[in-house]
Amino acid sequence: PARRGGVGQALAGGVSSGFVLFMVSQVAGQFGKSGALPVGLAAWAPAAAGMMLALALLLHLEDG
């Protein structure tokens, strides 16, 4: 996207992705502390969410 002049769009996407991952991390941490989720699942949830977000973005950009 940056090669086509979409620097602002890439910046906004990066900031919003970071915010979403931060929120997933906070929510998963609270669920893990309260016992609503197993601790292992709560620990891996932000990484899994980040991987799914990155894969979705990659597939969208490559396939159109």
N, C-alpha and C. Protein backbone atom coordinates (compact mmCIF):
# COMPACT_ATOMS: atom_id res chain seq x y z
N PRO A 1 0.80 -1.20 0.00
CA PRO A 1 0.00 0.00 0.00
C PRO A 1 0.84 1.27 0.00
N ALA A 2 2.00 1.25 0.64
CA ALA A 2 2.81 2.46 0.72
C ALA A 2 3.37 2.84 -0.65
N ARG A 3 3.57 1.87 -1.53
CA ARG A 3 4.11 2.17 -2.85
C ARG A 3 3.09 2.91 -3.71
N ARG A 4 1.83 2.76 -3.40
CA ARG A 4 0.79 3.43 -4.17
C ARG A 4 0.37 4.74 -3.52
N GLY A 5 1.12 5.22 -2.56
CA GLY A 5 0.82 6.50 -1.93
C GLY A 5 -0.13 6.40 -0.76
N GLY A 6 -0.40 5.22 -0.24
CA GLY A 6 -1.33 5.06 0.87
C GLY A 6 -0.64 5.04 2.21
N VAL A 7 0.28 5.97 2.44
CA VAL A 7 1.03 5.98 3.69
C VAL A 7 0.09 6.26 4.87
N GLY A 8 -0.82 7.18 4.70
CA GLY A 8 -1.77 7.48 5.78
C GLY A 8 -2.66 6.30 6.11
N GLN A 9 -3.09 5.60 5.07
CA GLN A 9 -3.93 4.43 5.28
C GLN A 9 -3.15 3.32 5.98
N ALA A 10 -1.89 3.13 5.60
CA ALA A 10 -1.06 2.12 6.25
C ALA A 10 -0.80 2.48 7.71
N LEU A 11 -0.59 3.76 7.98
CA LEU A 11 -0.37 4.21 9.35
C LEU A 11 -1.62 4.00 10.20
N ALA A 12 -2.77 4.35 9.66
CA ALA A 12 -4.02 4.16 10.39
C ALA A 12 -4.30 2.68 10.63
N GLY A 13 -4.00 1.85 9.65
CA GLY A 13 -4.18 0.41 9.81
C GLY A 13 -3.26 -0.16 10.87
N GLY A 14 -2.03 0.32 10.92
CA GLY A 14 -1.09 -0.15 11.93
C GLY A 14 -1.50 0.26 13.33
N VAL A 15 -1.94 1.49 13.48
CA VAL A 15 -2.37 1.97 14.79
C VAL A 15 -3.62 1.23 15.25
N SER A 16 -4.57 1.04 14.34
CA SER A 16 -5.80 0.34 14.73
C SER A 16 -5.53 -1.14 15.02
N SER A 17 -4.63 -1.76 14.27
CA SER A 17 -4.28 -3.15 14.54
C SER A 17 -3.60 -3.28 15.90
N GLY A 18 -2.72 -2.35 16.21
CA GLY A 18 -2.07 -2.35 17.51
C GLY A 18 -3.07 -2.18 18.64
N PHE A 19 -4.04 -1.30 18.45
CA PHE A 19 -5.06 -1.09 19.47
C PHE A 19 -5.90 -2.35 19.67
N VAL A 20 -6.28 -2.99 18.57
CA VAL A 20 -7.08 -4.23 18.68
C VAL A 20 -6.28 -5.31 19.41
N LEU A 21 -5.02 -5.46 19.08
CA LEU A 21 -4.20 -6.47 19.76
C LEU A 21 -4.01 -6.14 21.23
N PHE A 22 -3.87 -4.86 21.54
CA PHE A 22 -3.75 -4.45 22.94
C PHE A 22 -5.02 -4.80 23.71
N MET A 23 -6.17 -4.52 23.10
CA MET A 23 -7.44 -4.82 23.77
C MET A 23 -7.64 -6.32 23.94
N VAL A 24 -7.29 -7.11 22.93
CA VAL A 24 -7.40 -8.57 23.05
C VAL A 24 -6.50 -9.06 24.17
N SER A 25 -5.31 -8.49 24.28
CA SER A 25 -4.38 -8.88 25.33
C SER A 25 -4.94 -8.56 26.71
N GLN A 26 -5.51 -7.37 26.85
CA GLN A 26 -6.07 -6.97 28.15
C GLN A 26 -7.27 -7.83 28.54
N VAL A 27 -8.16 -8.06 27.60
CA VAL A 27 -9.36 -8.86 27.88
C VAL A 27 -8.99 -10.31 28.19
N ALA A 28 -8.09 -10.87 27.40
CA ALA A 28 -7.67 -12.25 27.64
C ALA A 28 -6.96 -12.37 28.99
N GLY A 29 -6.17 -11.37 29.34
CA GLY A 29 -5.49 -11.39 30.64
C GLY A 29 -6.48 -11.36 31.79
N GLN A 30 -7.50 -10.54 31.66
CA GLN A 30 -8.51 -10.47 32.72
C GLN A 30 -9.31 -11.77 32.82
N PHE A 31 -9.64 -12.35 31.66
CA PHE A 31 -10.34 -13.64 31.68
C PHE A 31 -9.46 -14.72 32.30
N GLY A 32 -8.17 -14.68 32.03
CA GLY A 32 -7.26 -15.66 32.61
C GLY A 32 -7.13 -15.49 34.11
N LYS A 33 -7.05 -14.24 34.57
CA LYS A 33 -6.94 -13.98 36.01
C LYS A 33 -8.20 -14.38 36.77
N SER A 34 -9.35 -14.19 36.13
CA SER A 34 -10.61 -14.51 36.82
C SER A 34 -10.93 -15.99 36.77
N GLY A 35 -10.25 -16.73 35.92
CA GLY A 35 -10.52 -18.16 35.81
C GLY A 35 -11.56 -18.51 34.77
N ALA A 36 -12.06 -17.52 34.04
CA ALA A 36 -13.06 -17.78 33.01
C ALA A 36 -12.43 -18.50 31.82
N LEU A 37 -11.14 -18.28 31.59
CA LEU A 37 -10.39 -18.97 30.54
C LEU A 37 -9.21 -19.67 31.19
N PRO A 38 -8.81 -20.81 30.66
CA PRO A 38 -7.57 -21.40 31.15
C PRO A 38 -6.40 -20.45 30.89
N VAL A 39 -5.43 -20.45 31.79
CA VAL A 39 -4.33 -19.50 31.71
C VAL A 39 -3.55 -19.66 30.40
N GLY A 40 -3.34 -20.89 29.96
CA GLY A 40 -2.62 -21.11 28.70
C GLY A 40 -3.34 -20.51 27.51
N LEU A 41 -4.65 -20.67 27.47
CA LEU A 41 -5.43 -20.10 26.38
C LEU A 41 -5.41 -18.58 26.44
N ALA A 42 -5.51 -18.03 27.63
CA ALA A 42 -5.46 -16.57 27.78
C ALA A 42 -4.10 -16.02 27.37
N ALA A 43 -3.05 -16.77 27.61
CA ALA A 43 -1.71 -16.31 27.24
C ALA A 43 -1.50 -16.36 25.73
N TRP A 44 -2.06 -17.35 25.06
CA TRP A 44 -1.86 -17.50 23.62
C TRP A 44 -2.89 -16.75 22.78
N ALA A 45 -3.95 -16.26 23.37
CA ALA A 45 -5.01 -15.59 22.62
C ALA A 45 -4.51 -14.36 21.84
N PRO A 46 -3.72 -13.46 22.44
CA PRO A 46 -3.25 -12.31 21.66
C PRO A 46 -2.35 -12.71 20.48
N ALA A 47 -1.51 -13.70 20.68
CA ALA A 47 -0.64 -14.15 19.58
C ALA A 47 -1.47 -14.77 18.46
N ALA A 48 -2.47 -15.56 18.82
CA ALA A 48 -3.33 -16.16 17.81
C ALA A 48 -4.14 -15.10 17.07
N ALA A 49 -4.63 -14.10 17.80
CA ALA A 49 -5.38 -13.02 17.16
C ALA A 49 -4.48 -12.24 16.20
N GLY A 50 -3.25 -11.98 16.60
CA GLY A 50 -2.31 -11.28 15.73
C GLY A 50 -1.99 -12.07 14.48
N MET A 51 -1.81 -13.38 14.64
CA MET A 51 -1.52 -14.22 13.47
C MET A 51 -2.70 -14.26 12.52
N MET A 52 -3.92 -14.36 13.05
CA MET A 52 -5.10 -14.37 12.19
C MET A 52 -5.28 -13.03 11.48
N LEU A 53 -5.03 -11.94 12.19
CA LEU A 53 -5.13 -10.62 11.57
C LEU A 53 -4.10 -10.45 10.46
N ALA A 54 -2.88 -10.87 10.71
CA ALA A 54 -1.83 -10.77 9.70
C ALA A 54 -2.13 -11.66 8.49
N LEU A 55 -2.62 -12.86 8.73
CA LEU A 55 -2.95 -13.76 7.63
C LEU A 55 -4.10 -13.21 6.79
N ALA A 56 -5.11 -12.65 7.45
CA ALA A 56 -6.23 -12.07 6.72
C ALA A 56 -5.77 -10.89 5.88
N LEU A 57 -4.91 -10.06 6.43
CA LEU A 57 -4.39 -8.91 5.68
C LEU A 57 -3.54 -9.37 4.50
N LEU A 58 -2.70 -10.36 4.72
CA LEU A 58 -1.86 -10.88 3.65
C LEU A 58 -2.71 -11.47 2.52
N LEU A 59 -3.70 -12.26 2.87
CA LEU A 59 -4.55 -12.86 1.84
C LEU A 59 -5.36 -11.80 1.10
N HIS A 60 -5.80 -10.79 1.81
CA HIS A 60 -6.56 -9.71 1.17
C HIS A 60 -5.68 -8.93 0.19
N LEU A 61 -4.47 -8.61 0.60
CA LEU A 61 -3.59 -7.82 -0.26
C LEU A 61 -3.07 -8.61 -1.45
N GLU A 62 -2.84 -9.90 -1.28
CA GLU A 62 -2.29 -10.70 -2.36
C GLU A 62 -3.35 -11.12 -3.37
N ASP A 63 -4.55 -11.44 -2.91
CA ASP A 63 -5.59 -11.91 -3.82
C ASP A 63 -6.51 -10.80 -4.31
N GLY A 64 -6.47 -9.68 -3.66
CA GLY A 64 -7.31 -8.57 -4.07
C GLY A 64 -8.62 -8.67 -3.43
